């Protein structure tokens, strides 16, 4: 799975993208609504892991998460 942090501009908020190993979009939601976005994407159980990753992930960066990690 890949996770990307996208910086908004002006009135556009910051967003998070979650993509599977084939780079298919699995989740796209506002960063300030992380819990609701994960719930909608059926990934609520990964909240703590993704929250911790986002603390270190800079805007515009992409991080690959191995299958054993999630």
PDB file of N, CA and C in Angstrom:
ATOM      1  N   UNK A   1       0.840  -1.157   0.000  1.00  0.00           N
ATOM      2  CA  UNK A   1       0.000   0.000   0.000  1.00  0.00           C
ATOM      3  C   UNK A   1       0.895   1.233   0.000  1.00  0.00           C
ATOM      4  N   UNK A   2       0.449   2.274  -0.677  1.00  0.00           N
ATOM      5  CA  UNK A   2       1.152   3.548  -0.721  1.00  0.00           C
ATOM      6  C   UNK A   2       0.305   4.599  -0.025  1.00  0.00           C
ATOM      7  N   UNK A   3       0.975   5.515   0.645  1.00  0.00           N
ATOM      8  CA  UNK A   3       0.279   6.628   1.272  1.00  0.00           C
ATOM      9  C   UNK A   3       0.955   7.912   0.807  1.00  0.00           C
ATOM     10  N   UNK A   4       0.137   8.897   0.433  1.00  0.00           N
ATOM     11  CA  UNK A   4       0.644  10.183  -0.032  1.00  0.00           C
ATOM     12  C   UNK A   4      -0.049  11.301   0.734  1.00  0.00           C
ATOM     13  N   UNK A   5       0.697  12.331   1.011  1.00  0.00           N
ATOM     14  CA  UNK A   5       0.177  13.506   1.703  1.00  0.00           C
ATOM     15  C   UNK A   5       0.242  14.680   0.727  1.00  0.00           C
ATOM     16  N   UNK A   6      -0.913  15.284   0.447  1.00  0.00           N
ATOM     17  CA  UNK A   6      -1.022  16.319  -0.575  1.00  0.00           C
ATOM     18  C   UNK A   6      -1.372  17.645   0.077  1.00  0.00           C
ATOM     19  N   UNK A   7      -0.570  18.661  -0.189  1.00  0.00           N
ATOM     20  CA  UNK A   7      -0.760  19.987   0.392  1.00  0.00           C
ATOM     21  C   UNK A   7      -1.827  20.746  -0.385  1.00  0.00           C
ATOM     22  N   UNK A   8      -2.788  21.271   0.339  1.00  0.00           N
ATOM     23  CA  UNK A   8      -3.813  22.107  -0.264  1.00  0.00           C
ATOM     24  C   UNK A   8      -3.290  23.528  -0.416  1.00  0.00           C
ATOM     25  N   UNK A   9      -4.080  24.363  -1.064  1.00  0.00           N
ATOM     26  CA  UNK A   9      -3.682  25.759  -1.219  1.00  0.00           C
ATOM     27  C   UNK A   9      -4.916  26.640  -1.089  1.00  0.00           C
ATOM     28  N   UNK A  10      -4.772  27.750  -0.412  1.00  0.00           N
ATOM     29  CA  UNK A  10      -5.899  28.652  -0.239  1.00  0.00           C
ATOM     30  C   UNK A  10      -7.032  27.989   0.512  1.00  0.00           C
ATOM     31  N   UNK A  11      -8.176  27.888  -0.122  1.00  0.00           N
ATOM     32  CA  UNK A  11      -9.345  27.276   0.505  1.00  0.00           C
ATOM     33  C   UNK A  11      -9.372  25.753   0.355  1.00  0.00           C
ATOM     34  N   UNK A  12      -8.464  25.201  -0.420  1.00  0.00           N
ATOM     35  CA  UNK A  12      -8.408  23.751  -0.634  1.00  0.00           C
ATOM     36  C   UNK A  12      -7.616  23.123   0.515  1.00  0.00           C
ATOM     37  N   UNK A  13      -8.223  22.182   1.247  1.00  0.00           N
ATOM     38  CA  UNK A  13      -7.533  21.570   2.399  1.00  0.00           C
ATOM     39  C   UNK A  13      -6.487  20.534   1.977  1.00  0.00           C
ATOM     40  N   UNK A  14      -5.685  20.105   2.953  1.00  0.00           N
ATOM     41  CA  UNK A  14      -4.703  19.042   2.732  1.00  0.00           C
ATOM     42  C   UNK A  14      -5.440  17.708   2.611  1.00  0.00           C
ATOM     43  N   UNK A  15      -4.929  16.838   1.742  1.00  0.00           N
ATOM     44  CA  UNK A  15      -5.564  15.540   1.510  1.00  0.00           C
ATOM     45  C   UNK A  15      -4.585  14.394   1.681  1.00  0.00           C
ATOM     46  N   UNK A  16      -5.136  13.213   1.896  1.00  0.00           N
ATOM     47  CA  UNK A  16      -4.376  11.970   2.000  1.00  0.00           C
ATOM     48  C   UNK A  16      -4.885  11.036   0.912  1.00  0.00           C
ATOM     49  N   UNK A  17      -3.966  10.361   0.240  1.00  0.00           N
ATOM     50  CA  UNK A  17      -4.323   9.327  -0.737  1.00  0.00           C
ATOM     51  C   UNK A  17      -3.766   7.996  -0.263  1.00  0.00           C
ATOM     52  N   UNK A  18      -4.579   6.969  -0.341  1.00  0.00           N
ATOM     53  CA  UNK A  18      -4.145   5.600  -0.075  1.00  0.00           C
ATOM     54  C   UNK A  18      -4.316   4.812  -1.355  1.00  0.00           C
ATOM     55  N   UNK A  19      -3.276   4.116  -1.770  1.00  0.00           N
ATOM     56  CA  UNK A  19      -3.317   3.332  -3.000  1.00  0.00           C
ATOM     57  C   UNK A  19      -2.801   1.933  -2.713  1.00  0.00           C
ATOM     58  N   UNK A  20      -3.361   0.952  -3.419  1.00  0.00           N
ATOM     59  CA  UNK A  20      -2.906  -0.423  -3.210  1.00  0.00           C
ATOM     60  C   UNK A  20      -1.594  -0.665  -3.959  1.00  0.00           C
ATOM     61  N   UNK A  21      -1.110  -1.886  -3.930  1.00  0.00           N
ATOM     62  CA  UNK A  21       0.177  -2.210  -4.554  1.00  0.00           C
ATOM     63  C   UNK A  21       0.174  -2.022  -6.067  1.00  0.00           C
ATOM     64  N   UNK A  22      -1.008  -2.070  -6.684  1.00  0.00           N
ATOM     65  CA  UNK A  22      -1.128  -1.824  -8.126  1.00  0.00           C
ATOM     66  C   UNK A  22      -1.360  -0.348  -8.419  1.00  0.00           C
ATOM     67  N   UNK A  23      -1.284   0.477  -7.388  1.00  0.00           N
ATOM     68  CA  UNK A  23      -1.431   1.926  -7.457  1.00  0.00           C
ATOM     69  C   UNK A  23      -2.872   2.361  -7.758  1.00  0.00           C
ATOM     70  N   UNK A  24      -3.835   1.489  -7.460  1.00  0.00           N
ATOM     71  CA  UNK A  24      -5.244   1.829  -7.599  1.00  0.00           C
ATOM     72  C   UNK A  24      -5.684   2.599  -6.362  1.00  0.00           C
ATOM     73  N   UNK A  25      -6.417   3.689  -6.561  1.00  0.00           N
ATOM     74  CA  UNK A  25      -6.863   4.525  -5.463  1.00  0.00           C
ATOM     75  C   UNK A  25      -7.814   3.763  -4.551  1.00  0.00           C
ATOM     76  N   UNK A  26      -7.489   3.695  -3.262  1.00  0.00           N
ATOM     77  CA  UNK A  26      -8.322   3.013  -2.266  1.00  0.00           C
ATOM     78  C   UNK A  26      -8.976   3.998  -1.307  1.00  0.00           C
ATOM     79  N   UNK A  27      -8.379   5.157  -1.129  1.00  0.00           N
ATOM     80  CA  UNK A  27      -8.940   6.154  -0.240  1.00  0.00           C
ATOM     81  C   UNK A  27      -8.399   7.531  -0.575  1.00  0.00           C
ATOM     82  N   UNK A  28      -9.273   8.531  -0.514  1.00  0.00           N
ATOM     83  CA  UNK A  28      -8.892   9.918  -0.774  1.00  0.00           C
ATOM     84  C   UNK A  28      -9.756  10.766   0.140  1.00  0.00           C
ATOM     85  N   UNK A  29      -9.133  11.402   1.121  1.00  0.00           N
ATOM     86  CA  UNK A  29      -9.912  12.127   2.107  1.00  0.00           C
ATOM     87  C   UNK A  29      -9.074  13.239   2.717  1.00  0.00           C
ATOM     88  N   UNK A  30      -9.765  14.173   3.350  1.00  0.00           N
ATOM     89  CA  UNK A  30      -9.097  15.301   3.978  1.00  0.00           C
ATOM     90  C   UNK A  30      -8.276  14.827   5.169  1.00  0.00           C
ATOM     91  N   UNK A  31      -7.129  15.452   5.335  1.00  0.00           N
ATOM     92  CA  UNK A  31      -6.244  15.061   6.438  1.00  0.00           C
ATOM     93  C   UNK A  31      -6.887  15.329   7.797  1.00  0.00           C
ATOM     94  N   UNK A  32      -7.642  16.389   7.915  1.00  0.00           N
ATOM     95  CA  UNK A  32      -8.269  16.705   9.202  1.00  0.00           C
ATOM     96  C   UNK A  32      -9.466  15.810   9.507  1.00  0.00           C
ATOM     97  N   UNK A  33      -9.825  14.941   8.578  1.00  0.00           N
ATOM     98  CA  UNK A  33     -10.909  13.975   8.782  1.00  0.00           C
ATOM     99  C   UNK A  33     -10.397  12.550   8.549  1.00  0.00           C
ATOM    100  N   UNK A  34      -9.239  12.280   9.092  1.00  0.00           N
ATOM    101  CA  UNK A  34      -8.564  10.995   8.901  1.00  0.00           C
ATOM    102  C   UNK A  34      -9.427   9.824   9.361  1.00  0.00           C
ATOM    103  N   UNK A  35      -9.962   9.924  10.545  1.00  0.00           N
ATOM    104  CA  UNK A  35     -10.742   8.812  11.095  1.00  0.00           C
ATOM    105  C   UNK A  35     -11.970   8.506  10.230  1.00  0.00           C
ATOM    106  N   UNK A  36     -12.690   9.542   9.806  1.00  0.00           N
ATOM    107  CA  UNK A  36     -13.869   9.339   8.963  1.00  0.00           C
ATOM    108  C   UNK A  36     -13.486   8.788   7.591  1.00  0.00           C
ATOM    109  N   UNK A  37     -12.366   9.263   7.043  1.00  0.00           N
ATOM    110  CA  UNK A  37     -11.909   8.783   5.744  1.00  0.00           C
ATOM    111  C   UNK A  37     -11.524   7.318   5.778  1.00  0.00           C
ATOM    112  N   UNK A  38     -10.853   6.903   6.834  1.00  0.00           N
ATOM    113  CA  UNK A  38     -10.476   5.493   6.969  1.00  0.00           C
ATOM    114  C   UNK A  38     -11.709   4.625   7.185  1.00  0.00           C
ATOM    115  N   UNK A  39     -12.677   5.134   7.930  1.00  0.00           N
ATOM    116  CA  UNK A  39     -13.930   4.397   8.147  1.00  0.00           C
ATOM    117  C   UNK A  39     -14.635   4.163   6.806  1.00  0.00           C
ATOM    118  N   UNK A  40     -14.701   5.195   6.003  1.00  0.00           N
ATOM    119  CA  UNK A  40     -15.370   5.100   4.698  1.00  0.00           C
ATOM    120  C   UNK A  40     -14.624   4.156   3.745  1.00  0.00           C
ATOM    121  N   UNK A  41     -13.305   4.083   3.901  1.00  0.00           N
ATOM    122  CA  UNK A  41     -12.473   3.224   3.054  1.00  0.00           C
ATOM    123  C   UNK A  41     -12.325   1.813   3.616  1.00  0.00           C
ATOM    124  N   UNK A  42     -13.056   1.511   4.687  1.00  0.00           N
ATOM    125  CA  UNK A  42     -12.978   0.206   5.360  1.00  0.00           C
ATOM    126  C   UNK A  42     -11.560  -0.099   5.854  1.00  0.00           C
ATOM    127  N   UNK A  43     -10.887   0.916   6.364  1.00  0.00           N
ATOM    128  CA  UNK A  43      -9.522   0.763   6.865  1.00  0.00           C
ATOM    129  C   UNK A  43      -9.383   1.347   8.268  1.00  0.00           C
ATOM    130  N   UNK A  44     -10.449   1.378   9.024  1.00  0.00           N
ATOM    131  CA  UNK A  44     -10.462   1.973  10.358  1.00  0.00           C
ATOM    132  C   UNK A  44      -9.439   1.325  11.287  1.00  0.00           C
ATOM    133  N   UNK A  45      -9.180   0.055  11.112  1.00  0.00           N
ATOM    134  CA  UNK A  45      -8.242  -0.655  11.993  1.00  0.00           C
ATOM    135  C   UNK A  45      -6.793  -0.183  11.815  1.00  0.00           C
ATOM    136  N   UNK A  46      -6.512   0.559  10.750  1.00  0.00           N
ATOM    137  CA  UNK A  46      -5.157   1.047  10.482  1.00  0.00           C
ATOM    138  C   UNK A  46      -4.947   2.482  10.944  1.00  0.00           C
ATOM    139  N   UNK A  47      -5.905   3.024  11.682  1.00  0.00           N
ATOM    140  CA  UNK A  47      -5.844   4.435  12.085  1.00  0.00           C
ATOM    141  C   UNK A  47      -4.535   4.787  12.792  1.00  0.00           C
ATOM    142  N   UNK A  48      -4.151   4.032  13.802  1.00  0.00           N
ATOM    143  CA  UNK A  48      -2.956   4.345  14.584  1.00  0.00           C
ATOM    144  C   UNK A  48      -1.704   4.314  13.720  1.00  0.00           C
ATOM    145  N   UNK A  49      -1.567   3.293  12.890  1.00  0.00           N
ATOM    146  CA  UNK A  49      -0.393   3.172  12.041  1.00  0.00           C
ATOM    147  C   UNK A  49      -0.313   4.347  11.060  1.00  0.00           C
ATOM    148  N   UNK A  50      -1.399   4.656  10.394  1.00  0.00           N
ATOM    149  CA  UNK A  50      -1.404   5.733   9.398  1.00  0.00           C
ATOM    150  C   UNK A  50      -1.208   7.083  10.076  1.00  0.00           C
ATOM    151  N   UNK A  51      -1.812   7.275  11.215  1.00  0.00           N
ATOM    152  CA  UNK A  51      -1.636   8.517  11.968  1.00  0.00           C
ATOM    153  C   UNK A  51      -0.166   8.729  12.307  1.00  0.00           C
ATOM    154  N   UNK A  52       0.518   7.683  12.758  1.00  0.00           N
ATOM    155  CA  UNK A  52       1.942   7.770  13.087  1.00  0.00           C
ATOM    156  C   UNK A  52       2.796   8.059  11.857  1.00  0.00           C
ATOM    157  N   UNK A  53       2.461   7.454  10.740  1.00  0.00           N
ATOM    158  CA  UNK A  53       3.201   7.695   9.495  1.00  0.00           C
ATOM    159  C   UNK A  53       3.046   9.142   9.058  1.00  0.00           C
ATOM    160  N   UNK A  54       1.838   9.678   9.169  1.00  0.00           N
ATOM    161  CA  UNK A  54       1.576  11.048   8.729  1.00  0.00           C
ATOM    162  C   UNK A  54       2.318  12.086   9.565  1.00  0.00           C
ATOM    163  N   UNK A  55       2.664  11.762  10.792  1.00  0.00           N
ATOM    164  CA  UNK A  55       3.426  12.683  11.633  1.00  0.00           C
ATOM    165  C   UNK A  55       4.788  12.976  11.014  1.00  0.00           C
ATOM    166  N   UNK A  56       5.364  11.973  10.331  1.00  0.00           N
ATOM    167  CA  UNK A  56       6.700  12.104   9.757  1.00  0.00           C
ATOM    168  C   UNK A  56       6.694  12.386   8.256  1.00  0.00           C
ATOM    169  N   UNK A  57       5.600  12.090   7.584  1.00  0.00           N
ATOM    170  CA  UNK A  57       5.539  12.222   6.129  1.00  0.00           C
ATOM    171  C   UNK A  57       5.376  13.688   5.732  1.00  0.00           C
ATOM    172  N   UNK A  58       6.248  14.159   4.856  1.00  0.00           N
ATOM    173  CA  UNK A  58       6.180  15.538   4.378  1.00  0.00           C
ATOM    174  C   UNK A  58       5.200  15.630   3.212  1.00  0.00           C
ATOM    175  N   UNK A  59       4.714  16.829   2.978  1.00  0.00           N
ATOM    176  CA  UNK A  59       3.802  17.048   1.861  1.00  0.00           C
ATOM    177  C   UNK A  59       4.496  16.723   0.542  1.00  0.00           C
ATOM    178  N   UNK A  60       3.775  16.060  -0.342  1.00  0.00           N
ATOM    179  CA  UNK A  60       4.305  15.707  -1.650  1.00  0.00           C
ATOM    180  C   UNK A  60       5.094  14.414  -1.667  1.00  0.00           C
ATOM    181  N   UNK A  61       5.310  13.812  -0.508  1.00  0.00           N
ATOM    182  CA  UNK A  61       6.052  12.553  -0.446  1.00  0.00           C
ATOM    183  C   UNK A  61       5.099  11.367  -0.501  1.00  0.00           C
ATOM    184  N   UNK A  62       5.629  10.246  -0.942  1.00  0.00           N
ATOM    185  CA  UNK A  62       4.879   9.003  -0.989  1.00  0.00           C
ATOM    186  C   UNK A  62       5.654   7.969  -0.181  1.00  0.00           C
ATOM    187  N   UNK A  63       4.934   7.166   0.580  1.00  0.00           N
ATOM    188  CA  UNK A  63       5.586   6.120   1.381  1.00  0.00           C
ATOM    189  C   UNK A  63       4.940   4.784   1.058  1.00  0.00           C
ATOM    190  N   UNK A  64       5.772   3.787   0.856  1.00  0.00           N
ATOM    191  CA  UNK A  64       5.305   2.428   0.614  1.00  0.00           C
ATOM    192  C   UNK A  64       5.244   1.702   1.948  1.00  0.00           C
ATOM    193  N   UNK A  65       4.121   1.055   2.208  1.00  0.00           N
ATOM    194  CA  UNK A  65       3.940   0.268   3.428  1.00  0.00           C
ATOM    195  C   UNK A  65       3.863  -1.189   3.017  1.00  0.00           C
ATOM    196  N   UNK A  66       4.765  -2.013   3.549  1.00  0.00           N
ATOM    197  CA  UNK A  66       4.804  -3.425   3.196  1.00  0.00           C
ATOM    198  C   UNK A  66       3.585  -4.166   3.730  1.00  0.00           C
ATOM    199  N   UNK A  67       3.218  -5.247   3.076  1.00  0.00           N
ATOM    200  CA  UNK A  67       2.043  -6.024   3.503  1.00  0.00           C
ATOM    201  C   UNK A  67       2.151  -6.507   4.930  1.00  0.00           C
ATOM    202  N   UNK A  68       3.303  -6.822   5.403  1.00  0.00           N
ATOM    203  CA  UNK A  68       3.464  -7.281   6.777  1.00  0.00           C
ATOM    204  C   UNK A  68       3.209  -6.190   7.811  1.00  0.00           C
ATOM    205  N   UNK A  69       3.292  -4.925   7.367  1.00  0.00           N
ATOM    206  CA  UNK A  69       3.084  -3.798   8.274  1.00  0.00           C
ATOM    207  C   UNK A  69       1.618  -3.480   8.483  1.00  0.00           C
ATOM    208  N   UNK A  70       0.750  -3.913   7.556  1.00  0.00           N
ATOM    209  CA  UNK A  70      -0.683  -3.622   7.703  1.00  0.00           C
ATOM    210  C   UNK A  70      -1.520  -4.851   7.595  1.00  0.00           C
TER     211      UNK A  70
END
